[in-house]
Amino acid sequence: MDSIHSANGNAEPGVNRQYGSCGGEIQNPELGLGRLVPTFCCHEASKRQQQQQEAANSNNPRRHNQPFTASMGQRTRTITTMRSSPGHLLCEPAPPSPTPLHLKGREPNLKKPVIRKRTESRSPSVQKDRCDEQGLISLSGTTAQQAMGCRCSSSEARSARRFISTELSCTMAEHFHLKTPLLESASMSRRVGTTVYLKMENSQPSASFKIRGIGHLCQQLARQSKGVVCSSGGNAGMAAAYVARKMGVPATIILPSSSPQMVIQGLQDQGAAVKIVGKVWDDANAEALRLAETEGLTYVPPFDHPLLWQGHASMMSEVAASLGPSVKPGAVVVSVGGGGLLCGVIQGLKDVGWADVPIVAMETVGADCFNAAVKAGRIVTLDDITSEAKCLGAKTVCKQAFEYSQCSELTIISELVTDQQALHAVETFLDEERVLVEMACGAALAAVYSGLICRLQDEGRLPTLLGPLLVIVCGGSSVNMEQLTSLKHKLQT
């Protein structure tokens, strides 16, 4: 607590400057320096302090309509002292002093006193911390009614209100994912001879489409959970950690040893506990299932669950709304790992009446469990994952994805690209679209950049006069420039 200095720079004895969460120094050119009463902000007021202030005001003949100027950062506002009551901005003027000569004739307007009064709200309690110029302002244990009701004019108070409003909207939202952009790519359109639309799922809060399904599943299954556990190559874990943090539920993410350090750090930043188990995702998944059974945690599967597919299907509804009723895709290109995205896209196409639209399912060589199952006519388990596209690294595709591939009413074209082609697609996409995605997404992009779409047209597997091509830019969270450089060096040697 600092001493307040008078206009001549000397300390004024007996008058102290006190700061609250909306704090600011009070200066009055007419009345001299004043001091902030610690009860002036609704979320700091205490009953005892209010009673003391009412007693002081009752002996102060100038307590009504007494203007002064409150300097808060770079903003200065004239306000009028009011009787102490909950929710009012309350200040006590210091003893009067002569107006300095250089301020003569600039006395504030007294006609319209400004009253800062809170409004009522029925929002639930929140616990958030914000910073002011003197340190942290704790809103812990404060109701949203109090915090949002404060109408103090400081920038810190306004920031706190915006922050709380955002958090409440996230808490009360129907879902955790965003409606992502649908962008037209001129360069990719030129390559394939038809309009190419990009569904930018990399712009989700968790950096991939996974948040759609996992958010939907957690809302249905994990509201009263003691914690969630998820096995992941990166993206599913990031989505589960994000959703769990928003729901206030502990999260444990099991990763294989092939996961990069940046994924581990990202999960820890979301507040998740991270365990490294096994070499590939299947090993990590076995540990996740064990923890779910022994510790009573809610298991969050990364791709094999109907609730996940329902969540993923929402992206096709968004595409249909963006394109309008007169436009229908000629084909959809997706990456396939365990098959969750594929199942969600198929369900979404059915929902919007596009079940006849062909789907090009892309994998990389060495992470091709779906392609292997399609060729064998049955579900198969790969011996190992040898591709660098680790987020596609499931040894066995989900049953529903395989059954879709055998359905005569659907057209699903399973294709493979090499790691080098996927990496080249990532680099080209970065150069042309200025967006960095991971190798798993590069598999879908390579359908355009490698000429595969044109080849399928030449073979008659796609129409020669192809309608708009929809490419799902699935993400993701496990790539940066250092990782990209490392992949490039590894695949060139």
Foldseek 3Di string as FASTA:
>chain_A
DDFDAWPVRHGDPPAREDQALLGFFWAFLFFTGFYAQQQQAQLRHDPVSLVVQLVVLVPDPQQFLDWTWTDAPPDIDIAHADRRDHFWRHTDGDGGDHRDPVCPPVHDDSPDHDIQGFDFDDQAADWDWFADPVGIHGCGPPRLRRLLRHPDDHPSSVVSNVVVVVLSCCLPPPWQWDLFDWDWAPVLCVLQVAIAIERLQCPIPQRFLQLQLLRQVCVVPPLPFQAEEEEALASNLSSNLQSCLSSVHAYEYEYEPLRDPLSVVSSVVSVHHYHYAHHARVRSVVVRVVCCVPVVHHYRYRAADPSSLCRLLVNLVSVCVVVDPVADFQEEEDEAAQCRNVSNVCVNCVVVVNQAREYEYFDEPQRQQLVVCLVVVHWDFDPARDAPQRRSRGRTHHPVRNVVSVDPSHHYHYDYDHLVLLLVLQVVCCVRVVDHFDSSLSRRSSCSVVCVSVVCCVVVVGPVPGHYYYYYSGGHDRDDPVRSVVSVVVVVD
